[in-house]
Amino acid sequence: MVLARLDDMKAEDILTVNLRDKSSIGDYMVVSSGRSQRHVGSVADRIGEDLRRAGVTARVEGMPRCDWVLIDAGDVIVHIFRPEIRAFYSLEKMWLGRPAQRAGQQLASRAE
């Protein structure tokens, strides 16, 4: 659901990191970029709405500024960055030693 909404909302450079057996913070981490603060906020709002409709309780942080919004939905943690903020923090580099897949690859592997 999260990956589909990110794609629908035109989020960019979507990356999925499998955290299973590697961290207790969740099963998956999804990292993506929005083009502007407004875009980041809109994407985060829509994902939050979808999660609520699905009965998933999620914590959202970073909405007032919308430079980096984190959505903690339990098993899935979603990060939505403005590109320059994402480049500054380089969150993906922390996980380079762990299996990571672009969102399209993740969706394709689930379909098999």
PDB file of N, CA and C in Angstrom:
ATOM      1  N   MET A   1       0.831  -1.189   0.000  1.00  0.00           N
ATOM      2  CA  MET A   1       0.000   0.000   0.000  1.00  0.00           C
ATOM      3  C   MET A   1       0.879   1.259   0.000  1.00  0.00           C
ATOM      4  N   VAL A   2       1.915   1.263   0.836  1.00  0.00           N
ATOM      5  CA  VAL A   2       2.795   2.427   0.929  1.00  0.00           C
ATOM      6  C   VAL A   2       3.510   2.655  -0.396  1.00  0.00           C
ATOM      7  N   LEU A   3       4.063   1.608  -0.976  1.00  0.00           N
ATOM      8  CA  LEU A   3       4.784   1.760  -2.239  1.00  0.00           C
ATOM      9  C   LEU A   3       3.861   2.230  -3.361  1.00  0.00           C
ATOM     10  N   ALA A   4       2.647   1.706  -3.387  1.00  0.00           N
ATOM     11  CA  ALA A   4       1.689   2.120  -4.412  1.00  0.00           C
ATOM     12  C   ALA A   4       1.331   3.597  -4.252  1.00  0.00           C
ATOM     13  N   ARG A   5       1.125   4.049  -3.026  1.00  0.00           N
ATOM     14  CA  ARG A   5       0.782   5.453  -2.790  1.00  0.00           C
ATOM     15  C   ARG A   5       1.956   6.364  -3.138  1.00  0.00           C
ATOM     16  N   LEU A   6       3.173   5.969  -2.788  1.00  0.00           N
ATOM     17  CA  LEU A   6       4.340   6.773  -3.154  1.00  0.00           C
ATOM     18  C   LEU A   6       4.429   6.921  -4.666  1.00  0.00           C
ATOM     19  N   ASP A   7       4.188   5.832  -5.377  1.00  0.00           N
ATOM     20  CA  ASP A   7       4.208   5.872  -6.835  1.00  0.00           C
ATOM     21  C   ASP A   7       3.089   6.759  -7.366  1.00  0.00           C
ATOM     22  N   ASP A   8       1.875   6.606  -6.839  1.00  0.00           N
ATOM     23  CA  ASP A   8       0.728   7.420  -7.265  1.00  0.00           C
ATOM     24  C   ASP A   8       0.988   8.908  -7.063  1.00  0.00           C
ATOM     25  N   MET A   9       1.655   9.240  -5.965  1.00  0.00           N
ATOM     26  CA  MET A   9       1.891  10.642  -5.612  1.00  0.00           C
ATOM     27  C   MET A   9       3.179  11.191  -6.234  1.00  0.00           C
ATOM     28  N   LYS A  10       3.793  10.410  -7.110  1.00  0.00           N
ATOM     29  CA  LYS A  10       4.994  10.844  -7.846  1.00  0.00           C
ATOM     30  C   LYS A  10       6.191  11.118  -6.938  1.00  0.00           C
ATOM     31  N   ALA A  11       6.298  10.352  -5.835  1.00  0.00           N
ATOM     32  CA  ALA A  11       7.510  10.433  -5.027  1.00  0.00           C
ATOM     33  C   ALA A  11       8.662   9.927  -5.889  1.00  0.00           C
ATOM     34  N   GLU A  12       9.859  10.384  -5.583  1.00  0.00           N
ATOM     35  CA  GLU A  12      11.014  10.066  -6.421  1.00  0.00           C
ATOM     36  C   GLU A  12      12.024   9.208  -5.674  1.00  0.00           C
ATOM     37  N   ASP A  13      12.823   8.490  -6.434  1.00  0.00           N
ATOM     38  CA  ASP A  13      13.944   7.701  -5.919  1.00  0.00           C
ATOM     39  C   ASP A  13      13.525   6.855  -4.711  1.00  0.00           C
ATOM     40  N   ILE A  14      12.517   6.031  -4.904  1.00  0.00           N
ATOM     41  CA  ILE A  14      11.964   5.194  -3.833  1.00  0.00           C
ATOM     42  C   ILE A  14      12.866   3.987  -3.623  1.00  0.00           C
ATOM     43  N   LEU A  15      13.276   3.788  -2.391  1.00  0.00           N
ATOM     44  CA  LEU A  15      14.165   2.701  -2.027  1.00  0.00           C
ATOM     45  C   LEU A  15      13.556   1.922  -0.874  1.00  0.00           C
ATOM     46  N   THR A  16      13.553   0.604  -0.971  1.00  0.00           N
ATOM     47  CA  THR A  16      13.050  -0.252   0.098  1.00  0.00           C
ATOM     48  C   THR A  16      14.211  -1.021   0.706  1.00  0.00           C
ATOM     49  N   VAL A  17      14.327  -0.977   2.020  1.00  0.00           N
ATOM     50  CA  VAL A  17      15.369  -1.693   2.734  1.00  0.00           C
ATOM     51  C   VAL A  17      14.703  -2.765   3.590  1.00  0.00           C
ATOM     52  N   ASN A  18      15.099  -4.014   3.406  1.00  0.00           N
ATOM     53  CA  ASN A  18      14.582  -5.119   4.192  1.00  0.00           C
ATOM     54  C   ASN A  18      15.317  -5.128   5.533  1.00  0.00           C
ATOM     55  N   LEU A  19      14.586  -4.925   6.619  1.00  0.00           N
ATOM     56  CA  LEU A  19      15.174  -4.870   7.950  1.00  0.00           C
ATOM     57  C   LEU A  19      14.992  -6.160   8.739  1.00  0.00           C
ATOM     58  N   ARG A  20      14.244  -7.112   8.185  1.00  0.00           N
ATOM     59  CA  ARG A  20      13.985  -8.366   8.910  1.00  0.00           C
ATOM     60  C   ARG A  20      15.300  -9.026   9.292  1.00  0.00           C
ATOM     61  N   ASP A  21      15.348  -9.549  10.482  1.00  0.00           N
ATOM     62  CA  ASP A  21      16.527 -10.230  11.026  1.00  0.00           C
ATOM     63  C   ASP A  21      17.752  -9.326  11.116  1.00  0.00           C
ATOM     64  N   LYS A  22      17.576  -8.021  10.918  1.00  0.00           N
ATOM     65  CA  LYS A  22      18.699  -7.096  10.990  1.00  0.00           C
ATOM     66  C   LYS A  22      18.474  -5.983  12.003  1.00  0.00           C
ATOM     67  N   SER A  23      17.213  -5.729  12.323  1.00  0.00           N
ATOM     68  CA  SER A  23      16.892  -4.649  13.247  1.00  0.00           C
ATOM     69  C   SER A  23      15.529  -4.911  13.864  1.00  0.00           C
ATOM     70  N   SER A  24      15.352  -4.416  15.058  1.00  0.00           N
ATOM     71  CA  SER A  24      14.061  -4.581  15.727  1.00  0.00           C
ATOM     72  C   SER A  24      13.123  -3.397  15.486  1.00  0.00           C
ATOM     73  N   ILE A  25      13.559  -2.404  14.708  1.00  0.00           N
ATOM     74  CA  ILE A  25      12.719  -1.221  14.505  1.00  0.00           C
ATOM     75  C   ILE A  25      11.566  -1.469  13.542  1.00  0.00           C
ATOM     76  N   GLY A  26      11.651  -2.509  12.736  1.00  0.00           N
ATOM     77  CA  GLY A  26      10.576  -2.828  11.797  1.00  0.00           C
ATOM     78  C   GLY A  26      11.034  -3.870  10.803  1.00  0.00           C
ATOM     79  N   ASP A  27      10.135  -4.260   9.915  1.00  0.00           N
ATOM     80  CA  ASP A  27      10.467  -5.231   8.879  1.00  0.00           C
ATOM     81  C   ASP A  27      11.031  -4.567   7.625  1.00  0.00           C
ATOM     82  N   TYR A  28      10.499  -3.393   7.294  1.00  0.00           N
ATOM     83  CA  TYR A  28      10.941  -2.669   6.108  1.00  0.00           C
ATOM     84  C   TYR A  28      11.074  -1.192   6.401  1.00  0.00           C
ATOM     85  N   MET A  29      12.023  -0.570   5.711  1.00  0.00           N
ATOM     86  CA  MET A  29      12.162   0.874   5.729  1.00  0.00           C
ATOM     87  C   MET A  29      12.053   1.330   4.281  1.00  0.00           C
ATOM     88  N   VAL A  30      11.235   2.327   4.048  1.00  0.00           N
ATOM     89  CA  VAL A  30      11.066   2.885   2.714  1.00  0.00           C
ATOM     90  C   VAL A  30      11.573   4.318   2.749  1.00  0.00           C
ATOM     91  N   VAL A  31      12.473   4.648   1.832  1.00  0.00           N
ATOM     92  CA  VAL A  31      13.048   5.987   1.743  1.00  0.00           C
ATOM     93  C   VAL A  31      12.668   6.553   0.389  1.00  0.00           C
ATOM     94  N   SER A  32      12.161   7.784   0.387  1.00  0.00           N
ATOM     95  CA  SER A  32      11.766   8.414  -0.873  1.00  0.00           C
ATOM     96  C   SER A  32      11.981   9.921  -0.786  1.00  0.00           C
ATOM     97  N   SER A  33      11.837  10.576  -1.922  1.00  0.00           N
ATOM     98  CA  SER A  33      11.998  12.033  -1.984  1.00  0.00           C
ATOM     99  C   SER A  33      10.773  12.673  -2.593  1.00  0.00           C
ATOM    100  N   GLY A  34      10.483  13.876  -2.118  1.00  0.00           N
ATOM    101  CA  GLY A  34       9.474  14.738  -2.717  1.00  0.00           C
ATOM    102  C   GLY A  34      10.185  15.945  -3.316  1.00  0.00           C
ATOM    103  N   ARG A  35       9.560  16.600  -4.247  1.00  0.00           N
ATOM    104  CA  ARG A  35      10.203  17.706  -4.956  1.00  0.00           C
ATOM    105  C   ARG A  35      10.272  19.000  -4.154  1.00  0.00           C
ATOM    106  N   SER A  36       9.400  19.160  -3.177  1.00  0.00           N
ATOM    107  CA  SER A  36       9.331  20.395  -2.404  1.00  0.00           C
ATOM    108  C   SER A  36       8.720  20.076  -1.035  1.00  0.00           C
ATOM    109  N   GLN A  37       8.710  21.063  -0.159  1.00  0.00           N
ATOM    110  CA  GLN A  37       8.073  20.858   1.148  1.00  0.00           C
ATOM    111  C   GLN A  37       6.593  20.527   0.976  1.00  0.00           C
ATOM    112  N   ARG A  38       5.935  21.208   0.081  1.00  0.00           N
ATOM    113  CA  ARG A  38       4.513  20.951  -0.165  1.00  0.00           C
ATOM    114  C   ARG A  38       4.290  19.523  -0.673  1.00  0.00           C
ATOM    115  N   HIS A  39       5.139  19.076  -1.584  1.00  0.00           N
ATOM    116  CA  HIS A  39       5.014  17.721  -2.121  1.00  0.00           C
ATOM    117  C   HIS A  39       5.265  16.683  -1.024  1.00  0.00           C
ATOM    118  N   VAL A  40       6.311  16.880  -0.220  1.00  0.00           N
ATOM    119  CA  VAL A  40       6.604  15.962   0.886  1.00  0.00           C
ATOM    120  C   VAL A  40       5.399  15.869   1.823  1.00  0.00           C
ATOM    121  N   GLY A  41       4.825  17.016   2.184  1.00  0.00           N
ATOM    122  CA  GLY A  41       3.664  17.035   3.069  1.00  0.00           C
ATOM    123  C   GLY A  41       2.454  16.346   2.465  1.00  0.00           C
ATOM    124  N   SER A  42       2.205  16.569   1.184  1.00  0.00           N
ATOM    125  CA  SER A  42       1.061  15.937   0.512  1.00  0.00           C
ATOM    126  C   SER A  42       1.209  14.425   0.466  1.00  0.00           C
ATOM    127  N   VAL A  43       2.405  13.966   0.134  1.00  0.00           N
ATOM    128  CA  VAL A  43       2.657  12.520   0.081  1.00  0.00           C
ATOM    129  C   VAL A  43       2.444  11.910   1.465  1.00  0.00           C
ATOM    130  N   ALA A  44       3.000  12.552   2.485  1.00  0.00           N
ATOM    131  CA  ALA A  44       2.860  12.045   3.856  1.00  0.00           C
ATOM    132  C   ALA A  44       1.398  12.031   4.298  1.00  0.00           C
ATOM    133  N   ASP A  45       0.654  13.079   3.973  1.00  0.00           N
ATOM    134  CA  ASP A  45      -0.776  13.122   4.323  1.00  0.00           C
ATOM    135  C   ASP A  45      -1.535  11.955   3.700  1.00  0.00           C
ATOM    136  N   ARG A  46      -1.295  11.708   2.428  1.00  0.00           N
ATOM    137  CA  ARG A  46      -2.013  10.629   1.733  1.00  0.00           C
ATOM    138  C   ARG A  46      -1.654   9.254   2.276  1.00  0.00           C
ATOM    139  N   ILE A  47      -0.394   9.040   2.581  1.00  0.00           N
ATOM    140  CA  ILE A  47       0.008   7.759   3.164  1.00  0.00           C
ATOM    141  C   ILE A  47      -0.647   7.601   4.539  1.00  0.00           C
ATOM    142  N   GLY A  48      -0.647   8.668   5.328  1.00  0.00           N
ATOM    143  CA  GLY A  48      -1.300   8.620   6.637  1.00  0.00           C
ATOM    144  C   GLY A  48      -2.778   8.300   6.530  1.00  0.00           C
ATOM    145  N   GLU A  49      -3.469   8.916   5.561  1.00  0.00           N
ATOM    146  CA  GLU A  49      -4.897   8.633   5.342  1.00  0.00           C
ATOM    147  C   GLU A  49      -5.119   7.172   4.969  1.00  0.00           C
ATOM    148  N   ASP A  50      -4.283   6.663   4.067  1.00  0.00           N
ATOM    149  CA  ASP A  50      -4.420   5.264   3.647  1.00  0.00           C
ATOM    150  C   ASP A  50      -4.203   4.314   4.821  1.00  0.00           C
ATOM    151  N   LEU A  51      -3.222   4.598   5.635  1.00  0.00           N
ATOM    152  CA  LEU A  51      -2.951   3.751   6.792  1.00  0.00           C
ATOM    153  C   LEU A  51      -4.115   3.771   7.773  1.00  0.00           C
ATOM    154  N   ARG A  52      -4.659   4.959   8.030  1.00  0.00           N
ATOM    155  CA  ARG A  52      -5.813   5.060   8.938  1.00  0.00           C
ATOM    156  C   ARG A  52      -7.002   4.264   8.407  1.00  0.00           C
ATOM    157  N   ARG A  53      -7.281   4.394   7.106  1.00  0.00           N
ATOM    158  CA  ARG A  53      -8.382   3.639   6.507  1.00  0.00           C
ATOM    159  C   ARG A  53      -8.171   2.135   6.617  1.00  0.00           C
ATOM    160  N   ALA A  54      -6.917   1.716   6.617  1.00  0.00           N
ATOM    161  CA  ALA A  54      -6.597   0.291   6.721  1.00  0.00           C
ATOM    162  C   ALA A  54      -6.553  -0.170   8.183  1.00  0.00           C
ATOM    163  N   GLY A  55      -6.796   0.756   9.108  1.00  0.00           N
ATOM    164  CA  GLY A  55      -6.792   0.413  10.521  1.00  0.00           C
ATOM    165  C   GLY A  55      -5.413   0.342  11.147  1.00  0.00           C
ATOM    166  N   VAL A  56      -4.425   0.918  10.488  1.00  0.00           N
ATOM    167  CA  VAL A  56      -3.053   0.912  10.998  1.00  0.00           C
ATOM    168  C   VAL A  56      -2.797   2.217  11.753  1.00  0.00           C
ATOM    169  N   THR A  57      -2.351   2.083  12.987  1.00  0.00           N
ATOM    170  CA  THR A  57      -1.979   3.247  13.775  1.00  0.00           C
ATOM    171  C   THR A  57      -0.550   3.623  13.418  1.00  0.00           C
ATOM    172  N   ALA A  58      -0.339   4.863  13.043  1.00  0.00           N
ATOM    173  CA  ALA A  58       0.994   5.314  12.648  1.00  0.00           C
ATOM    174  C   ALA A  58       1.321   6.628  13.347  1.00  0.00           C
ATOM    175  N   ARG A  59       2.571   6.757  13.708  1.00  0.00           N
ATOM    176  CA  ARG A  59       3.075   8.024  14.250  1.00  0.00           C
ATOM    177  C   ARG A  59       3.749   8.788  13.124  1.00  0.00           C
ATOM    178  N   VAL A  60       3.478  10.082  13.070  1.00  0.00           N
ATOM    179  CA  VAL A  60       4.048  10.922  12.016  1.00  0.00           C
ATOM    180  C   VAL A  60       4.839  12.039  12.681  1.00  0.00           C
ATOM    181  N   GLU A  61       6.059  12.234  12.220  1.00  0.00           N
ATOM    182  CA  GLU A  61       6.903  13.311  12.725  1.00  0.00           C
ATOM    183  C   GLU A  61       7.449  14.119  11.569  1.00  0.00           C
ATOM    184  N   GLY A  62       7.591  15.419  11.766  1.00  0.00           N
ATOM    185  CA  GLY A  62       8.205  16.282  10.772  1.00  0.00           C
ATOM    186  C   GLY A  62       7.240  17.036   9.883  1.00  0.00           C
ATOM    187  N   MET A  63       5.948  16.954  10.157  1.00  0.00           N
ATOM    188  CA  MET A  63       4.964  17.597   9.276  1.00  0.00           C
ATOM    189  C   MET A  63       5.008  19.131   9.268  1.00  0.00           C
ATOM    190  N   PRO A  64       5.254  19.802  10.362  1.00  0.00           N
ATOM    191  CA  PRO A  64       5.219  21.265  10.254  1.00  0.00           C
ATOM    192  C   PRO A  64       6.203  21.833   9.229  1.00  0.00           C
ATOM    193  N   ARG A  65       7.413  21.276   9.155  1.00  0.00           N
ATOM    194  CA  ARG A  65       8.412  21.807   8.224  1.00  0.00           C
ATOM    195  C   ARG A  65       8.421  21.071   6.891  1.00  0.00           C
ATOM    196  N   CYS A  66       8.142  19.784   6.920  1.00  0.00           N
ATOM    197  CA  CYS A  66       8.094  18.940   5.708  1.00  0.00           C
ATOM    198  C   CYS A  66       9.407  18.896   4.943  1.00  0.00           C
ATOM    199  N   ASP A  67      10.522  19.002   5.665  1.00  0.00           N
ATOM    200  CA  ASP A  67      11.827  18.744   5.048  1.00  0.00           C
ATOM    201  C   ASP A  67      12.102  17.245   5.055  1.00  0.00           C
ATOM    202  N   TRP A  68      11.703  16.598   6.164  1.00  0.00           N
ATOM    203  CA  TRP A  68      11.873  15.163   6.343  1.00  0.00           C
ATOM    204  C   TRP A  68      10.697  14.700   7.191  1.00  0.00           C
ATOM    205  N   VAL A  69       9.842  13.900   6.620  1.00  0.00           N
ATOM    206  CA  VAL A  69       8.700  13.370   7.357  1.00  0.00           C
ATOM    207  C   VAL A  69       8.934  11.880   7.562  1.00  0.00           C
ATOM    208  N   LEU A  70       8.766  11.451   8.801  1.00  0.00           N
ATOM    209  CA  LEU A  70       8.900  10.048   9.163  1.00  0.00           C
ATOM    210  C   LEU A  70       7.532   9.525   9.552  1.00  0.00           C
ATOM    211  N   ILE A  71       7.154   8.405   8.973  1.00  0.00           N
ATOM    212  CA  ILE A  71       5.888   7.739   9.322  1.00  0.00           C
ATOM    213  C   ILE A  71       6.251   6.367   9.862  1.00  0.00           C
ATOM    214  N   ASP A  72       5.961   6.150  11.130  1.00  0.00           N
ATOM    215  CA  ASP A  72       6.235   4.867  11.770  1.00  0.00           C
ATOM    216  C   ASP A  72       4.929   4.098  11.848  1.00  0.00           C
ATOM    217  N   ALA A  73       4.796   3.101  10.977  1.00  0.00           N
ATOM    218  CA  ALA A  73       3.582   2.293  10.932  1.00  0.00           C
ATOM    219  C   ALA A  73       3.834   0.904  11.514  1.00  0.00           C
ATOM    220  N   GLY A  74       4.764   0.814  12.441  1.00  0.00           N
ATOM    221  CA  GLY A  74       5.064  -0.461  13.078  1.00  0.00           C
ATOM    222  C   GLY A  74       6.047  -1.270  12.268  1.00  0.00           C
ATOM    223  N   ASP A  75       5.554  -2.151  11.428  1.00  0.00           N
ATOM    224  CA  ASP A  75       6.426  -3.013  10.620  1.00  0.00           C
ATOM    225  C   ASP A  75       7.096  -2.268   9.476  1.00  0.00           C
ATOM    226  N   VAL A  76       6.528  -1.137   9.085  1.00  0.00           N
ATOM    227  CA  VAL A  76       7.065  -0.353   7.972  1.00  0.00           C
ATOM    228  C   VAL A  76       7.338   1.065   8.449  1.00  0.00           C
ATOM    229  N   ILE A  77       8.541   1.529   8.177  1.00  0.00           N
ATOM    230  CA  ILE A  77       8.936   2.897   8.518  1.00  0.00           C
ATOM    231  C   ILE A  77       9.177   3.624   7.208  1.00  0.00           C
ATOM    232  N   VAL A  78       8.513   4.754   7.036  1.00  0.00           N
ATOM    233  CA  VAL A  78       8.585   5.499   5.778  1.00  0.00           C
ATOM    234  C   VAL A  78       9.266   6.841   6.038  1.00  0.00           C
ATOM    235  N   HIS A  79      10.265   7.146   5.233  1.00  0.00           N
ATOM    236  CA  HIS A  79      10.946   8.439   5.277  1.00  0.00           C
ATOM    237  C   HIS A  79      10.676   9.138   3.954  1.00  0.00           C
ATOM    238  N   ILE A  80      10.227  10.384   4.034  1.00  0.00           N
ATOM    239  CA  ILE A  80      10.004  11.181   2.832  1.00  0.00           C
ATOM    240  C   ILE A  80      10.818  12.463   3.009  1.00  0.00           C
ATOM    241  N   PHE A  81      11.766  12.678   2.139  1.00  0.00           N
ATOM    242  CA  PHE A  81      12.712  13.790   2.248  1.00  0.00           C
ATOM    243  C   PHE A  81      12.554  14.774   1.097  1.00  0.00           C
ATOM    244  N   ARG A  82      12.955  16.014   1.334  1.00  0.00           N
ATOM    245  CA  ARG A  82      13.287  16.898   0.223  1.00  0.00           C
ATOM    246  C   ARG A  82      14.664  16.435  -0.250  1.00  0.00           C
ATOM    247  N   PRO A  83      14.971  16.515  -1.549  1.00  0.00           N
ATOM    248  CA  PRO A  83      16.218  15.938  -2.073  1.00  0.00           C
ATOM    249  C   PRO A  83      17.489  16.418  -1.368  1.00  0.00           C
ATOM    250  N   GLU A  84      17.590  17.707  -1.093  1.00  0.00           N
ATOM    251  CA  GLU A  84      18.820  18.203  -0.467  1.00  0.00           C
ATOM    252  C   GLU A  84      18.961  17.734   0.985  1.00  0.00           C
ATOM    253  N   ILE A  85      17.856  17.530   1.665  1.00  0.00           N
ATOM    254  CA  ILE A  85      17.886  17.017   3.037  1.00  0.00           C
ATOM    255  C   ILE A  85      18.271  15.539   3.007  1.00  0.00           C
ATOM    256  N   ARG A  86      17.725  14.805   2.057  1.00  0.00           N
ATOM    257  CA  ARG A  86      18.079  13.386   1.916  1.00  0.00           C
ATOM    258  C   ARG A  86      19.565  13.230   1.625  1.00  0.00           C
ATOM    259  N   ALA A  87      20.099  14.067   0.754  1.00  0.00           N
ATOM    260  CA  ALA A  87      21.522  14.009   0.426  1.00  0.00           C
ATOM    261  C   ALA A  87      22.376  14.331   1.651  1.00  0.00           C
ATOM    262  N   PHE A  88      21.943  15.302   2.450  1.00  0.00           N
ATOM    263  CA  PHE A  88      22.693  15.692   3.638  1.00  0.00           C
ATOM    264  C   PHE A  88      22.783  14.555   4.648  1.00  0.00           C
ATOM    265  N   TYR A  89      21.652  13.908   4.940  1.00  0.00           N
ATOM    266  CA  TYR A  89      21.633  12.847   5.951  1.00  0.00           C
ATOM    267  C   TYR A  89      22.105  11.499   5.417  1.00  0.00           C
ATOM    268  N   SER A  90      21.982  11.259   4.124  1.00  0.00           N
ATOM    269  CA  SER A  90      22.429  10.013   3.498  1.00  0.00           C
ATOM    270  C   SER A  90      22.013   8.777   4.302  1.00  0.00           C
ATOM    271  N   LEU A  91      20.757   8.731   4.661  1.00  0.00           N
ATOM    272  CA  LEU A  91      20.233   7.640   5.477  1.00  0.00           C
ATOM    273  C   LEU A  91      20.498   6.268   4.868  1.00  0.00           C
ATOM    274  N   GLU A  92      20.418   6.170   3.553  1.00  0.00           N
ATOM    275  CA  GLU A  92      20.637   4.887   2.887  1.00  0.00           C
ATOM    276  C   GLU A  92      22.036   4.330   3.135  1.00  0.00           C
ATOM    277  N   LYS A  93      23.019   5.211   3.296  1.00  0.00           N
ATOM    278  CA  LYS A  93      24.399   4.759   3.493  1.00  0.00           C
ATOM    279  C   LYS A  93      24.540   3.925   4.758  1.00  0.00           C
ATOM    280  N   MET A  94      23.681   4.161   5.736  1.00  0.00           N
ATOM    281  CA  MET A  94      23.723   3.363   6.962  1.00  0.00           C
ATOM    282  C   MET A  94      23.370   1.912   6.671  1.00  0.00           C
ATOM    283  N   TRP A  95      22.645   1.657   5.587  1.00  0.00           N
ATOM    284  CA  TRP A  95      22.129   0.334   5.279  1.00  0.00           C
ATOM    285  C   TRP A  95      22.796  -0.286   4.060  1.00  0.00           C
ATOM    286  N   LEU A  96      23.882   0.286   3.562  1.00  0.00           N
ATOM    287  CA  LEU A  96      24.512  -0.234   2.341  1.00  0.00           C
ATOM    288  C   LEU A  96      24.948  -1.691   2.481  1.00  0.00           C
ATOM    289  N   GLY A  97      25.292  -2.115   3.676  1.00  0.00           N
ATOM    290  CA  GLY A  97      25.706  -3.497   3.877  1.00  0.00           C
ATOM    291  C   GLY A  97      24.539  -4.457   3.962  1.00  0.00           C
ATOM    292  N   ARG A  98      23.334  -3.920   3.937  1.00  0.00           N
ATOM    293  CA  ARG A  98      22.128  -4.746   4.050  1.00  0.00           C
ATOM    294  C   ARG A  98      21.427  -4.785   2.700  1.00  0.00           C
ATOM    295  N   PRO A  99      20.672  -5.847   2.430  1.00  0.00           N
ATOM    296  CA  PRO A  99      19.961  -5.928   1.137  1.00  0.00           C
ATOM    297  C   PRO A  99      18.982  -4.772   0.966  1.00  0.00           C
ATOM    298  N   ALA A 100      19.108  -4.068  -0.121  1.00  0.00           N
ATOM    299  CA  ALA A 100      18.196  -2.973  -0.439  1.00  0.00           C
ATOM    300  C   ALA A 100      17.715  -3.142  -1.864  1.00  0.00           C
ATOM    301  N   GLN A 101      16.469  -2.773  -2.114  1.00  0.00           N
ATOM    302  CA  GLN A 101      15.895  -2.889  -3.449  1.00  0.00           C
ATOM    303  C   GLN A 101      15.143  -1.620  -3.779  1.00  0.00           C
ATOM    304  N   ARG A 102      15.191  -1.239  -5.032  1.00  0.00           N
ATOM    305  CA  ARG A 102      14.332  -0.167  -5.501  1.00  0.00           C
ATOM    306  C   ARG A 102      12.905  -0.660  -5.405  1.00  0.00           C
ATOM    307  N   ALA A 103      11.957   0.228  -5.245  1.00  0.00           N
ATOM    308  CA  ALA A 103      10.561  -0.141  -5.016  1.00  0.00           C
ATOM    309  C   ALA A 103      10.024  -1.066  -6.102  1.00  0.00           C
ATOM    310  N   GLY A 104      10.330  -0.830  -7.352  1.00  0.00           N
ATOM    311  CA  GLY A 104       9.834  -1.665  -8.437  1.00  0.00           C
ATOM    312  C   GLY A 104      10.287  -3.107  -8.293  1.00  0.00           C
ATOM    313  N   GLN A 105      11.527  -3.302  -7.850  1.00  0.00           N
ATOM    314  CA  GLN A 105      12.035  -4.644  -7.638  1.00  0.00           C
ATOM    315  C   GLN A 105      11.286  -5.311  -6.476  1.00  0.00           C
ATOM    316  N   GLN A 106      10.976  -4.552  -5.426  1.00  0.00           N
ATOM    317  CA  GLN A 106      10.256  -5.098  -4.280  1.00  0.00           C
ATOM    318  C   GLN A 106       8.882  -5.542  -4.696  1.00  0.00           C
ATOM    319  N   LEU A 107       8.159  -4.722  -5.456  1.00  0.00           N
ATOM    320  CA  LEU A 107       6.823  -5.080  -5.891  1.00  0.00           C
ATOM    321  C   LEU A 107       6.863  -6.301  -6.801  1.00  0.00           C
ATOM    322  N   ALA A 108       7.846  -6.381  -7.681  1.00  0.00           N
ATOM    323  CA  ALA A 108       7.950  -7.519  -8.591  1.00  0.00           C
ATOM    324  C   ALA A 108       8.221  -8.803  -7.815  1.00  0.00           C
ATOM    325  N   SER A 109       9.065  -8.742  -6.788  1.00  0.00           N
ATOM    326  CA  SER A 109       9.369  -9.956  -6.033  1.00  0.00           C
ATOM    327  C   SER A 109       8.167 -10.422  -5.230  1.00  0.00           C
ATOM    328  N   ARG A 110       7.312  -9.505  -4.797  1.00  0.00           N
ATOM    329  CA  ARG A 110       6.105  -9.882  -4.079  1.00  0.00           C
ATOM    330  C   ARG A 110       5.095 -10.566  -5.008  1.00  0.00           C
ATOM    331  N   ALA A 111       5.072 -10.162  -6.277  1.00  0.00           N
ATOM    332  CA  ALA A 111       4.120 -10.709  -7.231  1.00  0.00           C
ATOM    333  C   ALA A 111       4.476 -12.142  -7.610  1.00  0.00           C
ATOM    334  N   GLU A 112       5.740 -12.527  -7.450  1.00  0.00           N
ATOM    335  CA  GLU A 112       6.167 -13.878  -7.839  1.00  0.00           C
ATOM    336  C   GLU A 112       5.742 -14.928  -6.872  1.00  0.00           C
TER     337      GLU A 112
END
